[in-house]
Amino acid sequence: MMQSIQQEIDERTKLTSSNKLELLLFRLGNDPLLDRAELFGINVFKVREIIPMPTITAVAGSLQHMMGVVDLRGQILPVIDLSAVCGCTPATGHNILLITEYARSTQAFAVESVEDIVRLEWRQVLSAEGSAASGMVTSIARLDGENSERLAQVLDVETILRQVMPSNALEIDPERIGPKVDVKPGSLILAADDSLVARTMIEEGLSAMGLPYLMTKTGQEAWDQLQALAVKAQAEGKDISDKVALVLTDLEMPEMDGFTLTRNIKQDPRFAGIPVVIHSSLTGSANEAHVRKVGADAYVAKFVAEDLAHALREALRTVH
């Protein structure tokens, strides 16, 4: 079972251009409130490999929810008790390690079992904000179509990592961000990211650069805002560039992903000349190649504030 899922991961990471969400489903154990094992998911593109639970070495003075470290072919990785983070108790113990790559780092998550890989349309994935979900769940996936009762909680791994392993390196340092950036008066940066932590950091970075912004939580919301701003600009006898200086988007988002948002912008004559910068923890040559294919002006990996600032400066420079 595990080997076949590993093969699927290897094969499906080549399918970036499908613009569908490849979700790895797993269980963490029983939820004490509901007394059942809910399904959780993360994007297949973030999963490097799946292995049976190896020997974990405890580390003195570890942070809460850290089980220790594991030696994986000479690489020492931190092991996070994902069940504990999500308030679940595994009935059969931690049997599987998910080795993932997020925001330029590699880590291991201990889970009870791995279930399946499913391919979903992004419209099957709904934002969890405003629902009963905690800040650790970014969206809810309807696994069998729009009327599905089978749901999976898509975890906000960026937020989980920030909570479990706080890093001063992620703090915004205005000195390293550099001087303020000027854009056309009245225009702003339209940004989209479904992770609460990522939005907060982006907002801090844009503020440090002196850039006005409009923050959205999904690609669909960003697309709707862009169209509304275009209508407003036309009514005022202005160009869309008088309203929007640049679009900054994540890749993984409910309802509409960043690839689709970028393609929509680049194929619409109204938005010719608006640069699009993709900002994502989905790294790798396949994703970067597809970023170029859909017409994005720049790609920057999460999250180093100076790198984001440099990418925004370069993209804005090309239109001013």
Protein backbone atom coordinates (compact mmCIF):
# COMPACT_ATOMS: atom_id res chain seq x y z
CA MET A 1 0.00 0.00 0.00
CA MET A 2 2.67 2.46 1.07
CA GLN A 3 4.94 1.66 -1.87
CA SER A 4 2.12 2.20 -4.36
CA ILE A 5 1.30 5.56 -2.78
CA GLN A 6 4.99 6.53 -2.98
CA GLN A 7 4.95 5.64 -6.70
CA GLU A 8 1.83 7.74 -7.16
CA ILE A 9 3.53 10.69 -5.46
CA ASP A 10 6.51 10.38 -7.80
CA GLU A 11 4.26 10.20 -10.86
CA ARG A 12 1.76 12.83 -9.88
CA THR A 13 4.29 15.49 -9.02
CA LYS A 14 4.83 15.62 -12.79
CA LEU A 15 1.19 16.61 -13.30
CA THR A 16 1.43 20.19 -12.11
CA SER A 17 -0.09 21.47 -15.32
CA SER A 18 -3.40 19.72 -14.60
CA ASN A 19 -4.34 22.58 -12.23
CA LYS A 20 -6.01 20.15 -9.91
CA LEU A 21 -5.24 19.53 -6.27
CA GLU A 22 -3.50 16.23 -5.59
CA LEU A 23 -4.34 15.51 -1.98
CA LEU A 24 -2.64 12.88 0.19
CA LEU A 25 -5.22 11.64 2.71
CA PHE A 26 -4.23 10.33 6.14
CA ARG A 27 -5.61 9.77 9.62
CA LEU A 28 -4.29 11.03 12.93
CA GLY A 29 -6.49 9.05 15.33
CA ASN A 30 -9.69 9.76 17.21
CA ASP A 31 -10.93 13.24 17.85
CA PRO A 32 -11.98 13.29 21.53
CA LEU A 33 -15.02 15.45 20.82
CA LEU A 34 -16.42 13.35 17.97
CA ASP A 35 -14.91 9.97 18.95
CA ARG A 36 -13.97 9.15 15.37
CA ALA A 37 -10.91 9.38 13.14
CA GLU A 38 -11.33 12.24 10.71
CA LEU A 39 -9.59 12.44 7.34
CA PHE A 40 -6.85 15.02 6.89
CA GLY A 41 -4.97 16.00 3.77
CA ILE A 42 -1.96 17.86 2.44
CA ASN A 43 -0.89 18.62 -1.10
CA VAL A 44 1.00 15.74 -2.70
CA PHE A 45 3.52 18.22 -4.11
CA LYS A 46 4.68 18.96 -0.55
CA VAL A 47 5.34 15.28 0.24
CA ARG A 48 8.83 14.03 -0.56
CA GLU A 49 8.30 10.46 0.64
CA ILE A 50 6.38 8.20 3.00
CA ILE A 51 8.20 5.74 5.26
CA PRO A 52 7.28 3.28 8.04
CA MET A 53 7.94 4.75 11.47
CA PRO A 54 11.70 4.49 12.13
CA THR A 55 13.51 4.82 15.45
CA ILE A 56 13.16 8.38 16.72
CA THR A 57 15.87 9.93 18.87
CA ALA A 58 14.49 12.09 21.66
CA VAL A 59 16.14 15.49 22.03
CA ALA A 60 16.59 17.07 25.45
CA GLY A 61 14.51 20.20 25.97
CA SER A 62 12.38 19.66 22.84
CA LEU A 63 9.51 22.01 22.17
CA GLN A 64 5.93 20.83 22.68
CA HIS A 65 4.72 18.39 19.99
CA MET A 66 8.29 17.60 18.92
CA MET A 67 8.95 13.86 19.17
CA GLY A 68 12.67 14.20 18.46
CA VAL A 69 14.75 13.70 15.34
CA VAL A 70 15.27 10.96 12.78
CA ASP A 71 18.33 10.18 10.66
CA LEU A 72 17.11 9.75 7.08
CA ARG A 73 20.02 8.75 4.86
CA GLY A 74 22.36 11.14 6.64
CA GLN A 75 19.88 14.01 6.93
CA ILE A 76 18.71 14.80 10.48
CA LEU A 77 15.03 15.79 10.39
CA PRO A 78 12.77 17.08 13.16
CA VAL A 79 9.78 14.82 13.83
CA ILE A 80 6.49 16.54 14.67
CA ASP A 81 3.62 14.72 16.40
CA LEU A 82 0.88 15.82 14.01
CA SER A 83 -1.76 13.89 15.95
CA ALA A 84 -1.01 15.87 19.12
CA VAL A 85 -0.92 19.16 17.21
CA CYS A 86 -4.43 18.48 15.91
CA GLY A 87 -5.76 17.15 19.23
CA CYS A 88 -6.13 13.52 18.11
CA THR A 89 -5.12 10.25 19.77
CA PRO A 90 -3.89 7.47 17.44
CA ALA A 91 -5.53 4.16 18.34
CA THR A 92 -2.73 2.06 16.86
CA GLY A 93 0.13 4.49 17.48
CA HIS A 94 2.22 6.48 15.05
CA ASN A 95 2.91 4.09 12.20
CA ILE A 96 3.93 6.39 9.34
CA LEU A 97 6.26 9.33 8.77
CA LEU A 98 5.43 11.87 6.07
CA ILE A 99 8.60 13.58 4.87
CA THR A 100 7.60 17.01 3.59
CA GLU A 101 9.22 20.10 2.14
CA TYR A 102 7.81 23.46 3.16
CA ALA A 103 9.21 26.93 2.93
CA ARG A 104 12.75 25.80 2.06
CA SER A 105 12.96 23.27 4.90
CA THR A 106 12.42 19.52 5.27
CA GLN A 107 10.56 17.98 8.21
CA ALA A 108 8.81 14.76 9.22
CA PHE A 109 5.23 14.45 10.45
CA ALA A 110 4.17 11.39 12.46
CA VAL A 111 0.68 10.12 11.50
CA GLU A 112 -1.35 7.02 12.30
CA SER A 113 -2.11 5.83 8.77
CA VAL A 114 -2.05 6.89 5.14
CA GLU A 115 -5.27 6.32 3.22
CA ASP A 116 -5.16 7.39 -0.40
CA ILE A 117 -4.31 10.03 -2.96
CA VAL A 118 -7.21 11.86 -4.60
CA ARG A 119 -7.28 14.37 -7.41
CA LEU A 120 -9.80 17.16 -6.95
CA GLU A 121 -10.99 20.17 -8.86
CA TRP A 122 -10.09 23.30 -6.91
CA ARG A 123 -13.79 24.20 -6.73
CA GLN A 124 -14.29 21.11 -4.54
CA VAL A 125 -12.03 22.76 -1.98
CA LEU A 126 -13.74 25.40 0.16
CA SER A 127 -12.13 27.92 2.47
CA ALA A 128 -12.37 26.92 6.13
CA GLU A 129 -12.17 30.49 7.39
CA GLY A 130 -15.28 31.52 9.27
CA SER A 131 -16.21 27.89 9.89
CA ALA A 132 -15.72 25.87 13.05
CA ALA A 133 -12.24 24.87 11.86
CA SER A 134 -9.22 26.03 13.80
CA GLY A 135 -6.44 28.15 12.35
CA MET A 136 -4.58 24.92 11.53
CA VAL A 137 -7.07 24.00 8.79
CA THR A 138 -6.90 26.13 5.67
CA SER A 139 -9.73 24.48 3.71
CA ILE A 140 -12.25 21.65 3.57
CA ALA A 141 -12.19 19.27 0.59
CA ARG A 142 -15.39 17.61 -0.64
CA LEU A 143 -13.95 14.31 -1.79
CA ASP A 144 -16.78 12.96 -3.94
CA GLY A 145 -18.15 16.04 -5.63
CA GLU A 146 -20.35 18.93 -4.62
CA ASN A 147 -22.89 16.89 -2.67
CA SER A 148 -20.30 14.80 -0.88
CA GLU A 149 -20.63 13.97 2.78
CA ARG A 150 -17.05 12.66 2.82
CA LEU A 151 -14.84 15.55 3.79
CA ALA A 152 -11.12 16.02 4.44
CA GLN A 153 -9.52 18.82 6.40
CA VAL A 154 -6.63 20.34 4.46
CA LEU A 155 -3.99 21.35 6.99
CA ASP A 156 -2.29 24.74 7.00
CA VAL A 157 1.21 23.33 7.43
CA GLU A 158 2.80 26.80 7.32
CA THR A 159 0.83 27.78 10.43
CA ILE A 160 1.58 24.46 12.15
CA LEU A 161 5.32 24.81 11.54
CA ARG A 162 5.27 28.39 12.80
CA GLN A 163 3.51 27.28 15.99
CA VAL A 164 5.62 24.19 16.64
CA MET A 165 8.99 25.54 15.55
CA PRO A 166 8.97 29.35 15.89
CA SER A 167 11.79 30.97 13.97
CA ASN A 168 13.21 34.45 14.42
CA ALA A 169 14.47 34.19 10.85
CA LEU A 170 10.92 34.76 9.63
CA GLU A 171 10.57 38.10 11.39
CA ILE A 172 10.41 41.16 9.17
CA ASP A 173 13.51 43.36 9.45
CA PRO A 174 12.84 46.74 7.77
CA GLU A 175 16.60 47.32 7.48
CA ARG A 176 16.99 44.24 5.27
CA ILE A 177 13.80 44.96 3.33
CA GLY A 178 15.41 48.11 1.97
CA PRO A 179 13.97 51.49 0.99
CA LYS A 180 10.29 52.20 0.42
CA VAL A 181 8.88 51.45 -3.01
CA ASP A 182 6.78 53.94 -4.95
CA VAL A 183 3.83 52.88 -7.08
CA LYS A 184 1.37 54.98 -9.05
CA PRO A 185 -0.71 57.03 -6.57
CA GLY A 186 -4.04 55.31 -5.96
CA SER A 187 -2.79 51.89 -7.06
CA LEU A 188 -2.10 48.91 -4.80
CA ILE A 189 -0.76 45.38 -4.59
CA LEU A 190 -3.53 42.78 -4.89
CA ALA A 191 -2.39 39.78 -2.84
CA ALA A 192 -3.88 36.31 -2.35
CA ASP A 193 -2.94 33.59 0.16
CA ASP A 194 -5.08 31.10 2.06
CA SER A 195 -2.70 30.69 5.02
CA LEU A 196 -3.30 33.01 7.97
CA VAL A 197 0.38 33.02 8.91
CA ALA A 198 1.45 33.69 5.32
CA ARG A 199 -1.02 36.58 4.98
CA THR A 200 0.26 38.15 8.19
CA MET A 201 3.87 37.92 7.03
CA ILE A 202 3.07 39.24 3.55
CA GLU A 203 1.16 42.18 5.05
CA GLU A 204 4.13 42.99 7.31
CA GLY A 205 6.51 42.79 4.34
CA LEU A 206 4.36 45.01 2.10
CA SER A 207 3.91 47.53 4.91
CA ALA A 208 7.68 47.62 5.48
CA MET A 209 8.10 48.41 1.77
CA GLY A 210 5.52 51.18 2.01
CA LEU A 211 3.23 49.43 -0.47
CA PRO A 212 -0.55 49.74 -0.16
CA TYR A 213 -2.29 46.39 -0.56
CA LEU A 214 -5.58 44.55 -0.73
CA MET A 215 -5.33 41.08 0.82
CA THR A 216 -7.57 38.21 -0.28
CA LYS A 217 -7.84 34.60 0.92
CA THR A 218 -8.47 32.65 -2.30
CA GLY A 219 -7.67 32.91 -5.99
CA GLN A 220 -11.37 33.32 -6.72
CA GLU A 221 -11.64 36.25 -4.30
CA ALA A 222 -8.60 37.89 -5.91
CA TRP A 223 -10.05 37.39 -9.40
CA ASP A 224 -13.40 38.87 -8.32
CA GLN A 225 -11.65 41.88 -6.75
CA LEU A 226 -9.53 42.43 -9.86
CA GLN A 227 -12.60 42.44 -12.10
CA ALA A 228 -14.43 44.80 -9.75
CA LEU A 229 -11.45 47.17 -9.79
CA ALA A 230 -11.38 47.02 -13.60
CA VAL A 231 -15.06 48.03 -13.74
CA LYS A 232 -14.41 50.86 -11.28
CA ALA A 233 -11.41 52.08 -13.29
CA GLN A 234 -13.45 52.09 -16.51
CA ALA A 235 -16.27 54.02 -14.85
CA GLU A 236 -13.75 56.65 -13.74
CA GLY A 237 -12.14 56.84 -17.18
CA LYS A 238 -8.94 55.30 -15.86
CA ASP A 239 -6.75 52.34 -16.73
CA ILE A 240 -6.63 49.25 -14.48
CA SER A 241 -2.97 50.10 -13.79
CA ASP A 242 -4.26 53.17 -11.94
CA LYS A 243 -5.87 50.75 -9.48
CA VAL A 244 -3.59 47.68 -9.42
CA ALA A 245 0.19 47.91 -9.62
CA LEU A 246 0.88 44.16 -9.24
CA VAL A 247 -0.75 40.86 -8.30
CA LEU A 248 1.01 38.67 -5.71
CA THR A 249 -0.41 35.16 -5.42
CA ASP A 250 0.09 31.86 -3.65
CA LEU A 251 -0.33 28.66 -5.70
CA GLU A 252 -2.41 26.48 -3.40
CA MET A 253 -5.75 28.12 -2.63
CA PRO A 254 -9.36 26.98 -2.32
CA GLU A 255 -11.84 27.57 -5.15
CA MET A 256 -9.20 28.83 -7.60
CA ASP A 257 -5.47 28.09 -7.48
CA GLY A 258 -2.70 30.51 -8.32
CA PHE A 259 -1.93 28.91 -11.68
CA THR A 260 -5.52 29.46 -12.83
CA LEU A 261 -5.60 33.01 -11.44
CA THR A 262 -2.36 33.86 -13.27
CA ARG A 263 -3.61 32.36 -16.53
CA ASN A 264 -6.91 34.27 -16.24
CA ILE A 265 -5.04 37.54 -15.75
CA LYS A 266 -2.55 36.96 -18.56
CA GLN A 267 -5.22 35.91 -21.06
CA ASP A 268 -7.48 38.91 -20.37
CA PRO A 269 -6.62 41.95 -22.54
CA ARG A 270 -7.89 44.29 -19.78
CA PHE A 271 -5.02 43.24 -17.54
CA ALA A 272 -2.18 43.42 -20.03
CA GLY A 273 0.84 44.93 -18.36
CA ILE A 274 -0.08 44.01 -14.78
CA PRO A 275 2.83 41.94 -13.43
CA VAL A 276 2.04 38.73 -11.54
CA VAL A 277 4.44 37.41 -8.92
CA ILE A 278 3.88 33.88 -7.60
CA HIS A 279 4.89 33.37 -3.97
CA SER A 280 4.72 29.76 -2.87
CA SER A 281 6.14 27.07 -0.60
CA LEU A 282 5.67 24.70 -3.55
CA THR A 283 9.22 24.62 -4.85
CA GLY A 284 10.93 22.48 -7.47
CA SER A 285 11.83 22.77 -11.13
CA ALA A 286 8.50 21.33 -12.36
CA ASN A 287 6.52 24.03 -10.57
CA GLU A 288 8.91 26.80 -11.62
CA ALA A 289 8.68 25.68 -15.26
CA HIS A 290 4.88 25.75 -15.07
CA VAL A 291 4.99 29.19 -13.47
CA ARG A 292 6.77 30.42 -16.59
CA LYS A 293 4.32 28.55 -18.82
CA VAL A 294 1.26 30.30 -17.38
CA GLY A 295 2.98 33.66 -17.89
CA ALA A 296 3.91 34.77 -14.37
CA ASP A 297 6.50 37.54 -14.27
CA ALA A 298 8.38 36.14 -11.27
CA TYR A 299 8.44 33.25 -8.83
CA VAL A 300 9.70 33.51 -5.26
CA ALA A 301 9.83 30.72 -2.69
CA LYS A 302 8.38 31.27 0.78
CA PHE A 303 9.33 32.79 3.06
CA VAL A 304 12.27 35.16 3.09
CA ALA A 305 11.07 38.74 3.29
CA GLU A 306 14.15 40.14 1.50
CA ASP A 307 13.64 37.74 -1.44
CA LEU A 308 9.99 38.74 -1.71
CA ALA A 309 10.92 42.43 -1.58
CA HIS A 310 13.54 41.93 -4.31
CA ALA A 311 11.07 40.08 -6.57
CA LEU A 312 8.42 42.78 -6.12
CA ARG A 313 10.91 45.57 -6.82
CA GLU A 314 12.11 43.88 -10.02
CA ALA A 315 8.55 43.20 -11.25
CA LEU A 316 7.39 46.75 -10.50
CA ARG A 317 10.49 48.20 -12.16
CA THR A 318 9.51 46.59 -15.48
CA VAL A 319 6.24 48.54 -15.62
CA HIS A 320 7.40 51.93 -14.31
